[in-house]
Amino acid sequence: PISEQKYISPDGASRAPAATQPLIRTRPRYSGDPKVMQAFLELAAENTPDKACKESTRMVSQLMLADLCLLASLQGEGPIVISCGYDLIREIAIGGFTIETRLSPVMSSALRRNRPLRLPASSTSPDIQSLSQALNMARVGHLLVAPFTSPGEESSSMGMILLSPYSNRSWTQEDQTNLLSLTSAIGRILQHTH
């Protein structure tokens, strides 16, 4: 019954719902932190590729509330190169590494075809296992990949990878749409640093 549910007002107070007041059942899944906006502006002004890489992964991790965020690129038939990353839970940068394309066929294909990708933690894809080994983690959780896109650009060799090894957060269609918006903007910014 509605009388047993509580309404949480914008000021955080809990009270019984009025007939016209909407019920709030979940909190937003995205951060509105002013520090993130500052980070975005700093990224836009950055002209050093290494710093831009680190700043972009930290910012996306904070905005998307992703446990891990990695910046990936693919050169032809070569391996997936992870330039850098950020661990939101431990608040540390992740160094670069590579993953052979034969060990990450689904991610490689998504980046080559300029398509987003979502894989559940339960996936039997070798991509999940290869990321676990490369990051030296027992599990990496759910995976979301979004390529960098620009208007009129048919393919991209770069993208962001989000993982949830600590929270086990699954990625939704809304998360995918939001990450694609971010990577589109970040891709244009990073083009100016290379």
N, C-alpha and C. Protein backbone atom coordinates (compact mmCIF):
# COMPACT_ATOMS: atom_id res chain seq x y z
N PRO A 1 0.82 -1.19 0.00
CA PRO A 1 0.00 0.00 0.00
C PRO A 1 0.86 1.25 0.00
N ILE A 2 0.31 2.31 -0.53
CA ILE A 2 1.08 3.55 -0.64
C ILE A 2 1.39 4.15 0.71
N SER A 3 0.56 3.89 1.73
CA SER A 3 0.80 4.47 3.05
C SER A 3 2.06 3.91 3.69
N GLU A 4 2.53 2.74 3.25
CA GLU A 4 3.73 2.16 3.83
C GLU A 4 5.00 2.66 3.15
N GLN A 5 4.89 3.31 1.99
CA GLN A 5 6.06 3.79 1.29
C GLN A 5 6.41 5.19 1.75
N LYS A 6 7.66 5.54 1.65
CA LYS A 6 8.10 6.87 2.07
C LYS A 6 8.53 7.68 0.87
N TYR A 7 8.30 8.96 0.97
CA TYR A 7 8.73 9.90 -0.06
C TYR A 7 9.96 10.60 0.46
N ILE A 8 11.01 10.66 -0.36
CA ILE A 8 12.23 11.39 0.02
C ILE A 8 12.23 12.67 -0.78
N SER A 9 12.13 13.76 -0.06
CA SER A 9 12.06 15.07 -0.73
C SER A 9 13.45 15.47 -1.20
N PRO A 10 13.54 16.48 -2.08
CA PRO A 10 14.85 16.92 -2.57
C PRO A 10 15.80 17.36 -1.46
N ASP A 11 15.26 17.79 -0.32
CA ASP A 11 16.15 18.21 0.78
C ASP A 11 16.61 17.03 1.63
N GLY A 12 16.18 15.80 1.24
CA GLY A 12 16.64 14.59 1.94
C GLY A 12 15.73 14.14 3.06
N ALA A 13 14.71 14.92 3.40
CA ALA A 13 13.81 14.55 4.49
C ALA A 13 12.88 13.43 4.03
N SER A 14 12.57 12.55 4.96
CA SER A 14 11.69 11.44 4.65
C SER A 14 10.32 11.74 5.25
N ARG A 15 9.28 11.64 4.43
CA ARG A 15 7.93 11.88 4.92
C ARG A 15 6.95 11.02 4.14
N ALA A 16 5.78 10.89 4.68
CA ALA A 16 4.74 10.11 4.00
C ALA A 16 4.37 10.81 2.70
N PRO A 17 4.11 10.06 1.64
CA PRO A 17 3.81 10.69 0.35
C PRO A 17 2.42 11.31 0.32
N ALA A 18 2.36 12.45 -0.32
CA ALA A 18 1.07 13.05 -0.61
C ALA A 18 0.57 12.40 -1.89
N ALA A 19 -0.70 12.49 -2.15
CA ALA A 19 -1.27 11.84 -3.33
C ALA A 19 -0.65 12.34 -4.62
N THR A 20 -0.18 13.59 -4.65
CA THR A 20 0.37 14.16 -5.88
C THR A 20 1.88 14.09 -5.94
N GLN A 21 2.56 13.67 -4.85
CA GLN A 21 4.01 13.62 -4.85
C GLN A 21 4.50 12.30 -5.45
N PRO A 22 5.52 12.37 -6.34
CA PRO A 22 6.05 11.12 -6.92
C PRO A 22 6.89 10.36 -5.90
N LEU A 23 6.89 9.06 -6.01
CA LEU A 23 7.75 8.23 -5.17
C LEU A 23 9.12 8.13 -5.80
N ILE A 24 10.14 8.27 -4.99
CA ILE A 24 11.52 8.13 -5.46
C ILE A 24 12.04 6.82 -4.90
N ARG A 25 12.35 5.90 -5.80
CA ARG A 25 12.76 4.57 -5.36
C ARG A 25 14.25 4.34 -5.47
N THR A 26 14.92 5.00 -6.39
CA THR A 26 16.36 4.81 -6.53
C THR A 26 17.05 6.16 -6.66
N ARG A 27 18.31 6.15 -6.32
CA ARG A 27 19.11 7.36 -6.48
C ARG A 27 19.66 7.42 -7.90
N PRO A 28 20.00 8.62 -8.38
CA PRO A 28 20.60 8.71 -9.71
C PRO A 28 21.89 7.90 -9.77
N ARG A 29 22.21 7.40 -10.96
CA ARG A 29 23.41 6.58 -11.11
C ARG A 29 24.60 7.38 -11.62
N TYR A 30 24.45 8.67 -11.74
CA TYR A 30 25.54 9.50 -12.27
C TYR A 30 25.86 10.61 -11.32
N SER A 31 27.13 11.00 -11.31
CA SER A 31 27.62 12.04 -10.43
C SER A 31 27.43 13.41 -11.07
N GLY A 32 27.07 14.38 -10.26
CA GLY A 32 26.97 15.77 -10.72
C GLY A 32 28.03 16.61 -10.04
N ASP A 33 29.13 16.01 -9.66
CA ASP A 33 30.19 16.64 -8.91
C ASP A 33 30.86 17.77 -9.70
N PRO A 34 30.95 18.96 -9.12
CA PRO A 34 31.63 20.07 -9.81
C PRO A 34 33.10 19.76 -10.13
N LYS A 35 33.72 18.88 -9.36
CA LYS A 35 35.11 18.50 -9.64
C LYS A 35 35.22 17.82 -11.00
N VAL A 36 34.18 17.08 -11.36
CA VAL A 36 34.18 16.40 -12.65
C VAL A 36 34.11 17.42 -13.78
N MET A 37 33.30 18.44 -13.61
CA MET A 37 33.23 19.50 -14.62
C MET A 37 34.58 20.21 -14.74
N GLN A 38 35.22 20.45 -13.61
CA GLN A 38 36.55 21.05 -13.64
C GLN A 38 37.52 20.15 -14.38
N ALA A 39 37.44 18.85 -14.13
CA ALA A 39 38.31 17.89 -14.82
C ALA A 39 38.07 17.93 -16.32
N PHE A 40 36.82 18.06 -16.75
CA PHE A 40 36.49 18.12 -18.17
C PHE A 40 37.11 19.36 -18.80
N LEU A 41 37.03 20.48 -18.11
CA LEU A 41 37.62 21.72 -18.63
C LEU A 41 39.14 21.62 -18.68
N GLU A 42 39.74 20.98 -17.67
CA GLU A 42 41.19 20.79 -17.68
C GLU A 42 41.61 19.87 -18.82
N LEU A 43 40.81 18.85 -19.07
CA LEU A 43 41.10 17.94 -20.19
C LEU A 43 41.07 18.71 -21.51
N ALA A 44 40.08 19.58 -21.67
CA ALA A 44 39.96 20.36 -22.90
C ALA A 44 41.17 21.26 -23.11
N ALA A 45 41.80 21.70 -22.03
CA ALA A 45 42.96 22.59 -22.13
C ALA A 45 44.28 21.82 -22.19
N GLU A 46 44.24 20.52 -21.94
CA GLU A 46 45.46 19.71 -21.89
C GLU A 46 46.03 19.46 -23.28
N ASN A 47 47.35 19.58 -23.41
CA ASN A 47 47.98 19.32 -24.71
C ASN A 47 49.05 18.23 -24.63
N THR A 48 49.17 17.56 -23.50
CA THR A 48 50.11 16.46 -23.34
C THR A 48 49.33 15.14 -23.42
N PRO A 49 49.62 14.28 -24.40
CA PRO A 49 48.84 13.05 -24.57
C PRO A 49 48.75 12.18 -23.31
N ASP A 50 49.85 12.02 -22.58
CA ASP A 50 49.85 11.17 -21.40
C ASP A 50 48.91 11.72 -20.33
N LYS A 51 48.98 13.01 -20.08
CA LYS A 51 48.11 13.62 -19.06
C LYS A 51 46.65 13.61 -19.52
N ALA A 52 46.42 13.85 -20.80
CA ALA A 52 45.05 13.83 -21.33
C ALA A 52 44.45 12.43 -21.19
N CYS A 53 45.24 11.41 -21.43
CA CYS A 53 44.78 10.03 -21.29
C CYS A 53 44.36 9.76 -19.85
N LYS A 54 45.23 10.08 -18.92
CA LYS A 54 44.94 9.83 -17.50
C LYS A 54 43.74 10.63 -17.03
N GLU A 55 43.68 11.88 -17.43
CA GLU A 55 42.57 12.74 -17.00
C GLU A 55 41.25 12.27 -17.58
N SER A 56 41.24 11.82 -18.83
CA SER A 56 39.99 11.38 -19.45
C SER A 56 39.46 10.11 -18.79
N THR A 57 40.32 9.16 -18.46
CA THR A 57 39.85 7.93 -17.82
C THR A 57 39.36 8.19 -16.40
N ARG A 58 40.04 9.08 -15.70
CA ARG A 58 39.59 9.43 -14.34
C ARG A 58 38.23 10.10 -14.40
N MET A 59 38.07 11.02 -15.33
CA MET A 59 36.82 11.76 -15.45
C MET A 59 35.66 10.84 -15.83
N VAL A 60 35.86 9.97 -16.81
CA VAL A 60 34.79 9.07 -17.24
C VAL A 60 34.44 8.10 -16.11
N SER A 61 35.44 7.62 -15.41
CA SER A 61 35.19 6.72 -14.28
C SER A 61 34.31 7.40 -13.24
N GLN A 62 34.60 8.65 -12.94
CA GLN A 62 33.81 9.40 -11.95
C GLN A 62 32.40 9.70 -12.46
N LEU A 63 32.29 10.12 -13.71
CA LEU A 63 30.97 10.44 -14.26
C LEU A 63 30.06 9.23 -14.36
N MET A 64 30.62 8.11 -14.79
CA MET A 64 29.83 6.90 -15.00
C MET A 64 29.77 6.01 -13.76
N LEU A 65 30.47 6.41 -12.70
CA LEU A 65 30.58 5.60 -11.49
C LEU A 65 31.03 4.19 -11.83
N ALA A 66 32.06 4.13 -12.67
CA ALA A 66 32.63 2.85 -13.11
C ALA A 66 33.83 2.50 -12.23
N ASP A 67 33.89 1.26 -11.77
CA ASP A 67 35.02 0.83 -10.94
C ASP A 67 36.34 1.05 -11.67
N LEU A 68 36.40 0.62 -12.94
CA LEU A 68 37.60 0.77 -13.75
C LEU A 68 37.22 1.38 -15.10
N CYS A 69 38.08 2.26 -15.59
CA CYS A 69 37.91 2.83 -16.93
C CYS A 69 39.26 2.73 -17.63
N LEU A 70 39.26 2.21 -18.86
CA LEU A 70 40.48 2.03 -19.64
C LEU A 70 40.34 2.73 -20.98
N LEU A 71 41.43 3.32 -21.46
CA LEU A 71 41.47 3.93 -22.79
C LEU A 71 42.16 2.94 -23.72
N ALA A 72 41.43 2.47 -24.73
CA ALA A 72 41.94 1.43 -25.63
C ALA A 72 42.09 1.95 -27.04
N SER A 73 43.08 1.41 -27.76
CA SER A 73 43.23 1.72 -29.18
C SER A 73 43.63 0.44 -29.91
N LEU A 74 43.32 0.44 -31.20
CA LEU A 74 43.58 -0.73 -32.03
C LEU A 74 44.22 -0.24 -33.32
N GLN A 75 45.39 -0.76 -33.64
CA GLN A 75 46.10 -0.37 -34.85
C GLN A 75 46.11 -1.53 -35.82
N GLY A 76 45.29 -1.46 -36.86
CA GLY A 76 45.25 -2.52 -37.87
C GLY A 76 44.94 -3.86 -37.26
N GLU A 77 45.79 -4.85 -37.57
CA GLU A 77 45.61 -6.20 -37.04
C GLU A 77 46.40 -6.42 -35.77
N GLY A 78 47.01 -5.36 -35.24
CA GLY A 78 47.82 -5.47 -34.03
C GLY A 78 46.98 -5.67 -32.78
N PRO A 79 47.64 -5.71 -31.63
CA PRO A 79 46.93 -5.93 -30.38
C PRO A 79 46.12 -4.71 -29.96
N ILE A 80 45.21 -4.92 -29.01
CA ILE A 80 44.52 -3.80 -28.37
C ILE A 80 45.53 -3.20 -27.39
N VAL A 81 45.75 -1.92 -27.53
CA VAL A 81 46.69 -1.22 -26.64
C VAL A 81 45.87 -0.44 -25.63
N ILE A 82 46.08 -0.75 -24.36
CA ILE A 82 45.47 0.03 -23.28
C ILE A 82 46.51 1.07 -22.89
N SER A 83 46.24 2.32 -23.23
CA SER A 83 47.21 3.39 -22.98
C SER A 83 47.30 3.72 -21.50
N CYS A 84 46.15 3.75 -20.84
CA CYS A 84 46.11 4.07 -19.42
C CYS A 84 44.72 3.75 -18.90
N GLY A 85 44.53 3.93 -17.61
CA GLY A 85 43.23 3.68 -17.02
C GLY A 85 43.14 4.30 -15.64
N TYR A 86 41.97 4.12 -15.04
CA TYR A 86 41.76 4.66 -13.70
C TYR A 86 40.91 3.69 -12.89
N ASP A 87 41.31 3.48 -11.63
CA ASP A 87 40.59 2.64 -10.68
C ASP A 87 39.89 3.58 -9.70
N LEU A 88 38.58 3.73 -9.84
CA LEU A 88 37.81 4.67 -9.04
C LEU A 88 37.76 4.27 -7.57
N ILE A 89 37.70 2.99 -7.28
CA ILE A 89 37.57 2.53 -5.91
C ILE A 89 38.88 2.75 -5.14
N ARG A 90 39.99 2.42 -5.74
CA ARG A 90 41.29 2.62 -5.08
C ARG A 90 41.88 3.99 -5.36
N GLU A 91 41.23 4.74 -6.27
CA GLU A 91 41.66 6.09 -6.66
C GLU A 91 43.12 6.13 -7.11
N ILE A 92 43.44 5.21 -8.05
CA ILE A 92 44.80 5.16 -8.59
C ILE A 92 44.75 5.02 -10.11
N ALA A 93 45.80 5.50 -10.75
CA ALA A 93 45.94 5.33 -12.19
C ALA A 93 46.36 3.90 -12.49
N ILE A 94 45.97 3.42 -13.66
CA ILE A 94 46.34 2.08 -14.13
C ILE A 94 47.29 2.27 -15.30
N GLY A 95 48.43 1.60 -15.25
CA GLY A 95 49.41 1.70 -16.32
C GLY A 95 48.97 0.99 -17.59
N GLY A 96 49.67 1.25 -18.66
CA GLY A 96 49.33 0.67 -19.95
C GLY A 96 49.72 -0.80 -20.08
N PHE A 97 49.06 -1.48 -21.01
CA PHE A 97 49.37 -2.87 -21.33
C PHE A 97 48.72 -3.20 -22.68
N THR A 98 49.01 -4.37 -23.20
CA THR A 98 48.41 -4.80 -24.47
C THR A 98 47.71 -6.14 -24.30
N ILE A 99 46.74 -6.37 -25.18
CA ILE A 99 46.02 -7.65 -25.23
C ILE A 99 45.98 -8.09 -26.69
N GLU A 100 46.45 -9.29 -26.97
CA GLU A 100 46.43 -9.80 -28.33
C GLU A 100 45.00 -9.88 -28.85
N THR A 101 44.80 -9.54 -30.11
CA THR A 101 43.45 -9.55 -30.68
C THR A 101 42.82 -10.95 -30.67
N ARG A 102 43.63 -11.99 -30.78
CA ARG A 102 43.08 -13.35 -30.74
C ARG A 102 42.52 -13.67 -29.35
N LEU A 103 42.99 -12.95 -28.31
CA LEU A 103 42.48 -13.15 -26.96
C LEU A 103 41.34 -12.19 -26.62
N SER A 104 41.05 -11.29 -27.54
CA SER A 104 39.97 -10.32 -27.32
C SER A 104 39.21 -10.09 -28.62
N PRO A 105 38.69 -11.15 -29.22
CA PRO A 105 38.06 -11.02 -30.53
C PRO A 105 36.81 -10.14 -30.55
N VAL A 106 36.02 -10.18 -29.49
CA VAL A 106 34.77 -9.42 -29.47
C VAL A 106 35.05 -7.92 -29.32
N MET A 107 35.95 -7.56 -28.39
CA MET A 107 36.32 -6.15 -28.24
C MET A 107 37.01 -5.62 -29.49
N SER A 108 37.90 -6.41 -30.06
CA SER A 108 38.61 -5.99 -31.28
C SER A 108 37.62 -5.71 -32.40
N SER A 109 36.66 -6.60 -32.56
CA SER A 109 35.65 -6.43 -33.61
C SER A 109 34.80 -5.18 -33.36
N ALA A 110 34.41 -4.96 -32.11
CA ALA A 110 33.59 -3.78 -31.78
C ALA A 110 34.34 -2.49 -32.10
N LEU A 111 35.63 -2.43 -31.74
CA LEU A 111 36.41 -1.22 -32.01
C LEU A 111 36.61 -1.03 -33.52
N ARG A 112 36.90 -2.11 -34.23
CA ARG A 112 37.08 -2.02 -35.68
C ARG A 112 35.82 -1.57 -36.40
N ARG A 113 34.67 -2.08 -35.95
CA ARG A 113 33.41 -1.77 -36.60
C ARG A 113 32.74 -0.51 -36.04
N ASN A 114 33.40 0.12 -35.06
CA ASN A 114 32.88 1.36 -34.47
C ASN A 114 31.52 1.11 -33.80
N ARG A 115 31.43 0.01 -33.04
CA ARG A 115 30.19 -0.38 -32.39
C ARG A 115 30.39 -0.49 -30.88
N PRO A 116 29.40 -0.09 -30.10
CA PRO A 116 29.48 -0.30 -28.65
C PRO A 116 29.31 -1.79 -28.33
N LEU A 117 29.71 -2.17 -27.14
CA LEU A 117 29.66 -3.58 -26.74
C LEU A 117 29.37 -3.66 -25.25
N ARG A 118 28.46 -4.56 -24.90
CA ARG A 118 28.19 -4.88 -23.49
C ARG A 118 28.31 -6.38 -23.32
N LEU A 119 29.10 -6.80 -22.34
CA LEU A 119 29.22 -8.22 -22.01
C LEU A 119 28.96 -8.40 -20.52
N PRO A 120 28.15 -9.37 -20.15
CA PRO A 120 27.93 -9.63 -18.72
C PRO A 120 29.15 -10.32 -18.12
N ALA A 121 29.27 -10.23 -16.81
CA ALA A 121 30.39 -10.88 -16.12
C ALA A 121 30.39 -12.38 -16.35
N SER A 122 29.21 -12.94 -16.60
CA SER A 122 29.08 -14.39 -16.81
C SER A 122 29.46 -14.83 -18.23
N SER A 123 29.83 -13.89 -19.09
CA SER A 123 30.15 -14.22 -20.48
C SER A 123 31.32 -15.20 -20.54
N THR A 124 31.24 -16.11 -21.50
CA THR A 124 32.33 -17.06 -21.71
C THR A 124 33.32 -16.54 -22.77
N SER A 125 33.14 -15.31 -23.20
CA SER A 125 34.04 -14.71 -24.18
C SER A 125 35.47 -14.65 -23.63
N PRO A 126 36.46 -14.95 -24.46
CA PRO A 126 37.86 -14.86 -23.99
C PRO A 126 38.25 -13.42 -23.63
N ASP A 127 37.49 -12.43 -24.08
CA ASP A 127 37.78 -11.04 -23.76
C ASP A 127 37.78 -10.80 -22.25
N ILE A 128 36.80 -11.35 -21.56
CA ILE A 128 36.68 -11.19 -20.11
C ILE A 128 37.89 -11.81 -19.42
N GLN A 129 38.25 -13.01 -19.84
CA GLN A 129 39.39 -13.71 -19.24
C GLN A 129 40.70 -12.97 -19.51
N SER A 130 40.88 -12.47 -20.74
CA SER A 130 42.14 -11.79 -21.06
C SER A 130 42.28 -10.48 -20.29
N LEU A 131 41.18 -9.76 -20.08
CA LEU A 131 41.24 -8.55 -19.26
C LEU A 131 41.55 -8.89 -17.80
N SER A 132 40.95 -9.96 -17.29
CA SER A 132 41.23 -10.39 -15.91
C SER A 132 42.71 -10.68 -15.73
N GLN A 133 43.29 -11.41 -16.69
CA GLN A 133 44.71 -11.75 -16.60
C GLN A 133 45.58 -10.51 -16.72
N ALA A 134 45.27 -9.64 -17.68
CA ALA A 134 46.09 -8.43 -17.89
C ALA A 134 46.05 -7.50 -16.68
N LEU A 135 44.90 -7.42 -16.02
CA LEU A 135 44.75 -6.55 -14.85
C LEU A 135 45.11 -7.26 -13.55
N ASN A 136 45.45 -8.56 -13.65
CA ASN A 136 45.81 -9.37 -12.48
C ASN A 136 44.68 -9.38 -11.45
N MET A 137 43.46 -9.61 -11.95
CA MET A 137 42.28 -9.65 -11.09
C MET A 137 41.57 -10.98 -11.30
N ALA A 138 40.95 -11.48 -10.26
CA ALA A 138 40.21 -12.74 -10.37
C ALA A 138 39.02 -12.59 -11.30
N ARG A 139 38.41 -11.40 -11.30
CA ARG A 139 37.27 -11.13 -12.16
C ARG A 139 37.23 -9.64 -12.47
N VAL A 140 36.66 -9.29 -13.63
CA VAL A 140 36.56 -7.87 -14.01
C VAL A 140 35.11 -7.39 -14.04
N GLY A 141 34.18 -8.27 -13.73
CA GLY A 141 32.77 -7.88 -13.71
C GLY A 141 32.22 -7.66 -15.10
N HIS A 142 31.20 -6.84 -15.18
CA HIS A 142 30.53 -6.55 -16.46
C HIS A 142 31.37 -5.58 -17.28
N LEU A 143 31.26 -5.68 -18.59
CA LEU A 143 32.10 -4.88 -19.50
C LEU A 143 31.21 -4.02 -20.40
N LEU A 144 31.64 -2.78 -20.60
CA LEU A 144 31.00 -1.88 -21.55
C LEU A 144 32.10 -1.19 -22.35
N VAL A 145 32.01 -1.27 -23.68
CA VAL A 145 32.97 -0.63 -24.57
C VAL A 145 32.22 0.38 -25.44
N ALA A 146 32.79 1.59 -25.55
CA ALA A 146 32.22 2.60 -26.45
C ALA A 146 33.35 3.19 -27.28
N PRO A 147 33.25 3.11 -28.60
CA PRO A 147 34.29 3.69 -29.46
C PRO A 147 34.19 5.20 -29.50
N PHE A 148 35.30 5.83 -29.81
CA PHE A 148 35.29 7.28 -30.04
C PHE A 148 34.71 7.51 -31.42
N THR A 149 33.78 8.40 -31.52
CA THR A 149 33.18 8.70 -32.82
C THR A 149 33.15 10.21 -33.03
N SER A 150 33.22 10.59 -34.27
CA SER A 150 33.08 11.99 -34.65
C SER A 150 32.13 12.05 -35.82
N PRO A 151 31.40 13.16 -35.98
CA PRO A 151 30.48 13.25 -37.11
C PRO A 151 31.20 13.02 -38.42
N GLY A 152 30.64 12.16 -39.28
CA GLY A 152 31.24 11.88 -40.57
C GLY A 152 32.35 10.86 -40.53
N GLU A 153 32.71 10.38 -39.35
CA GLU A 153 33.80 9.41 -39.22
C GLU A 153 33.22 8.01 -39.27
N GLU A 154 33.72 7.20 -40.19
CA GLU A 154 33.16 5.87 -40.37
C GLU A 154 33.70 4.85 -39.40
N SER A 155 34.95 4.97 -39.03
CA SER A 155 35.50 4.00 -38.09
C SER A 155 36.44 4.68 -37.12
N SER A 156 36.66 4.02 -36.01
CA SER A 156 37.51 4.56 -34.97
C SER A 156 38.42 3.45 -34.49
N SER A 157 39.58 3.81 -34.07
CA SER A 157 40.48 2.81 -33.54
C SER A 157 40.66 2.98 -32.04
N MET A 158 39.87 3.86 -31.44
CA MET A 158 39.99 4.11 -30.00
C MET A 158 38.63 4.00 -29.32
N GLY A 159 38.67 3.73 -28.04
CA GLY A 159 37.44 3.66 -27.27
C GLY A 159 37.71 3.57 -25.78
N MET A 160 36.66 3.63 -25.01
CA MET A 160 36.72 3.50 -23.56
C MET A 160 36.12 2.16 -23.17
N ILE A 161 36.74 1.52 -22.18
CA ILE A 161 36.25 0.26 -21.64
C ILE A 161 35.93 0.49 -20.17
N LEU A 162 34.70 0.18 -19.77
CA LEU A 162 34.30 0.26 -18.36
C LEU A 162 34.13 -1.15 -17.82
N LEU A 163 34.60 -1.35 -16.59
CA LEU A 163 34.52 -2.65 -15.92
C LEU A 163 34.01 -2.46 -14.49
N SER A 164 33.41 -3.51 -13.93
CA SER A 164 32.86 -3.41 -12.57
C SER A 164 33.29 -4.57 -11.68
N PRO A 165 34.61 -4.72 -11.43
CA PRO A 165 35.07 -5.86 -10.63
C PRO A 165 34.68 -5.78 -9.15
N TYR A 166 34.51 -4.59 -8.62
CA TYR A 166 34.21 -4.44 -7.19
C TYR A 166 32.70 -4.37 -6.93
N SER A 167 32.01 -3.55 -7.69
CA SER A 167 30.57 -3.34 -7.46
C SER A 167 29.70 -4.37 -8.18
N ASN A 168 30.26 -5.03 -9.19
CA ASN A 168 29.51 -5.96 -10.04
C ASN A 168 28.32 -5.28 -10.70
N ARG A 169 28.45 -3.99 -10.95
CA ARG A 169 27.39 -3.23 -11.59
C ARG A 169 27.22 -3.68 -13.04
N SER A 170 25.99 -3.96 -13.43
CA SER A 170 25.73 -4.30 -14.82
C SER A 170 25.46 -3.01 -15.59
N TRP A 171 25.78 -3.02 -16.87
CA TRP A 171 25.64 -1.83 -17.70
C TRP A 171 24.34 -1.90 -18.49
N THR A 172 23.60 -0.80 -18.49
CA THR A 172 22.31 -0.73 -19.16
C THR A 172 22.44 -0.03 -20.52
N GLN A 173 21.35 -0.04 -21.27
CA GLN A 173 21.30 0.70 -22.53
C GLN A 173 21.52 2.19 -22.27
N GLU A 174 20.97 2.70 -21.18
CA GLU A 174 21.16 4.12 -20.83
C GLU A 174 22.63 4.41 -20.56
N ASP A 175 23.32 3.51 -19.85
CA ASP A 175 24.75 3.67 -19.61
C ASP A 175 25.51 3.71 -20.93
N GLN A 176 25.15 2.81 -21.83
CA GLN A 176 25.82 2.76 -23.13
C GLN A 176 25.62 4.06 -23.89
N THR A 177 24.41 4.59 -23.92
CA THR A 177 24.11 5.85 -24.60
C THR A 177 24.90 7.00 -24.00
N ASN A 178 24.95 7.05 -22.67
CA ASN A 178 25.69 8.12 -22.00
C ASN A 178 27.19 8.02 -22.25
N LEU A 179 27.72 6.81 -22.24
CA LEU A 179 29.15 6.65 -22.51
C LEU A 179 29.49 7.02 -23.95
N LEU A 180 28.62 6.68 -24.89
CA LEU A 180 28.85 7.07 -26.28
C LEU A 180 28.87 8.59 -26.43
N SER A 181 28.02 9.29 -25.70
CA SER A 181 28.04 10.77 -25.73
C SER A 181 29.36 11.30 -25.19
N LEU A 182 29.83 10.70 -24.11
CA LEU A 182 31.10 11.13 -23.53
C LEU A 182 32.27 10.85 -24.46
N THR A 183 32.31 9.64 -25.04
CA THR A 183 33.46 9.31 -25.90
C THR A 183 33.47 10.16 -27.16
N SER A 184 32.32 10.55 -27.63
CA SER A 184 32.27 11.43 -28.80
C SER A 184 32.94 12.75 -28.49
N ALA A 185 32.62 13.33 -27.33
CA ALA A 185 33.22 14.61 -26.94
C ALA A 185 34.71 14.45 -26.61
N ILE A 186 35.06 13.39 -25.87
CA ILE A 186 36.45 13.18 -25.48
C ILE A 186 37.32 12.88 -26.69
N GLY A 187 36.79 12.14 -27.65
CA GLY A 187 37.55 11.84 -28.86
C GLY A 187 37.98 13.10 -29.58
N ARG A 188 37.09 14.07 -29.68
CA ARG A 188 37.44 15.33 -30.32
C ARG A 188 38.51 16.08 -29.54
N ILE A 189 38.43 16.02 -28.22
CA ILE A 189 39.44 16.69 -27.38
C ILE A 189 40.78 16.00 -27.53
N LEU A 190 40.80 14.67 -27.49
CA LEU A 190 42.07 13.94 -27.56
C LEU A 190 42.74 14.07 -28.92
N GLN A 191 41.98 14.31 -29.98
CA GLN A 191 42.57 14.51 -31.30
C GLN A 191 43.53 15.70 -31.29
N HIS A 192 43.24 16.69 -30.47
CA HIS A 192 44.08 17.90 -30.42
C HIS A 192 45.36 17.69 -29.62
N THR A 193 45.43 16.59 -28.85
CA THR A 193 46.64 16.36 -28.05
C THR A 193 47.64 15.47 -28.78
N HIS A 194 47.24 14.84 -29.90
CA HIS A 194 48.15 13.94 -30.63
C HIS A 194 48.81 14.65 -31.80
